[in-house]
């Protein structure tokens, strides 16, 4: 069994989801999966927060003793990323479309 430890349980990690916040209603969407919801969310957070490939993410998880194939990670992203984005959209800061860079002209 893999135990997840997040840096600072009170802080929002990655995309604003904490592994300990899962309720029984949310776990139902992970029903029938081989891995725990915490591992799936952990992988999704890393993939969506950083520009890494599925193979790199699979090797990162293997370093933490979680053996996952890169195609499984692809399937998780396809299945759960839209739902995850809908759930966190309301918690993100509103964006006015302007970046921190301005034209010198």
Protein backbone atom coordinates (compact mmCIF):
# COMPACT_ATOMS: atom_id res chain seq x y z
CA UNK A 1 0.00 0.00 0.00
CA UNK A 2 1.27 3.44 -0.87
CA UNK A 3 0.93 6.20 1.66
CA UNK A 4 0.92 9.75 0.38
CA UNK A 5 2.39 12.61 2.31
CA UNK A 6 1.79 16.15 1.16
CA UNK A 7 3.92 19.08 2.17
CA UNK A 8 1.74 21.14 4.47
CA UNK A 9 -1.66 19.57 4.84
CA UNK A 10 -3.29 22.96 5.44
CA UNK A 11 -2.01 24.41 2.17
CA UNK A 12 -3.48 23.72 -1.19
CA UNK A 13 -1.05 21.66 -3.19
CA UNK A 14 -0.81 21.74 -6.97
CA UNK A 15 -4.26 22.44 -8.37
CA UNK A 16 -5.89 23.14 -5.04
CA UNK A 17 -6.78 19.58 -4.13
CA UNK A 18 -5.58 17.77 -1.04
CA UNK A 19 -5.40 14.00 -0.81
CA UNK A 20 -7.11 13.98 2.59
CA UNK A 21 -10.20 15.87 1.38
CA UNK A 22 -11.75 12.96 -0.51
CA UNK A 23 -15.25 12.10 0.64
CA UNK A 24 -17.29 8.98 -0.06
CA UNK A 25 -19.31 10.80 -2.71
CA UNK A 26 -16.18 11.72 -4.69
CA UNK A 27 -14.59 8.30 -4.34
CA UNK A 28 -17.50 6.82 -6.29
CA UNK A 29 -16.12 8.32 -9.50
CA UNK A 30 -12.94 6.24 -9.07
CA UNK A 31 -14.88 3.02 -8.64
CA UNK A 32 -13.39 0.05 -10.46
CA UNK A 33 -9.89 1.50 -10.73
CA UNK A 34 -6.85 -0.51 -9.71
CA UNK A 35 -5.21 2.42 -7.90
CA UNK A 36 -6.46 4.46 -4.98
CA UNK A 37 -8.05 7.88 -5.62
CA UNK A 38 -5.09 9.54 -3.90
CA UNK A 39 -2.62 8.06 -6.40
CA UNK A 40 -4.80 9.06 -9.35
CA UNK A 41 -5.18 12.63 -8.09
CA UNK A 42 -1.48 12.79 -7.30
CA UNK A 43 -0.60 11.86 -10.89
CA UNK A 44 -3.20 14.21 -12.36
CA UNK A 45 -1.93 17.10 -10.25
CA UNK A 46 1.63 16.59 -11.44
CA UNK A 47 0.67 16.19 -15.09
CA UNK A 48 -1.62 19.21 -15.18
CA UNK A 49 0.64 21.48 -13.12
CA UNK A 50 3.97 20.80 -14.85
CA UNK A 51 4.97 20.32 -18.51
CA UNK A 52 6.00 16.66 -18.33
CA UNK A 53 5.31 13.67 -20.56
CA UNK A 54 3.36 10.59 -19.57
CA UNK A 55 6.54 8.51 -19.63
CA UNK A 56 8.35 10.99 -17.37
CA UNK A 57 5.42 10.94 -14.97
CA UNK A 58 5.42 7.13 -14.99
CA UNK A 59 9.11 7.13 -14.07
CA UNK A 60 8.50 9.71 -11.31
CA UNK A 61 5.79 7.50 -9.85
CA UNK A 62 8.05 4.44 -10.18
CA UNK A 63 10.64 6.28 -8.08
CA UNK A 64 7.96 6.43 -5.40
CA UNK A 65 7.17 2.70 -5.74
CA UNK A 66 3.96 3.15 -7.74
CA UNK A 67 4.19 1.13 -10.96
CA UNK A 68 1.92 2.75 -13.55
CA UNK A 69 2.11 2.48 -17.33
CA UNK A 70 2.15 5.67 -19.38
CA UNK A 71 -1.03 4.63 -21.23
CA UNK A 72 -2.84 4.32 -17.90
CA UNK A 73 -1.82 7.90 -17.09
CA UNK A 74 -3.15 9.00 -20.48
CA UNK A 75 -6.49 7.32 -19.74
CA UNK A 76 -6.68 8.99 -16.32
CA UNK A 77 -6.07 12.41 -17.85
CA UNK A 78 -8.70 11.81 -20.53
CA UNK A 79 -11.24 10.56 -18.00
CA UNK A 80 -10.71 12.90 -15.04
CA UNK A 81 -9.12 16.16 -16.26
CA UNK A 82 -12.38 17.76 -17.52
CA UNK A 83 -14.18 16.94 -14.27
CA UNK A 84 -11.24 18.13 -12.20
CA UNK A 85 -11.08 21.39 -14.11
CA UNK A 86 -14.80 22.02 -13.65
CA UNK A 87 -14.52 21.44 -9.91
CA UNK A 88 -11.55 23.74 -9.36
CA UNK A 89 -12.54 26.49 -11.81
CA UNK A 90 -14.61 28.29 -9.16
CA UNK A 91 -11.69 28.25 -6.70
CA UNK A 92 -9.17 29.86 -9.06
CA UNK A 93 -8.47 33.56 -9.15
CA UNK A 94 -10.33 35.40 -11.90
CA UNK A 95 -8.10 36.33 -14.82
CA UNK A 96 -8.54 39.56 -16.75
CA UNK A 97 -6.56 38.27 -19.72
CA UNK A 98 -3.53 40.48 -19.20
CA UNK A 99 -0.22 38.93 -18.33
CA UNK A 100 2.62 40.45 -16.32
CA UNK A 101 4.44 41.51 -19.48
CA UNK A 102 3.64 44.76 -21.27
CA UNK A 103 4.83 45.95 -24.64
CA UNK A 104 7.58 48.60 -24.53
CA UNK A 105 5.84 50.59 -27.28
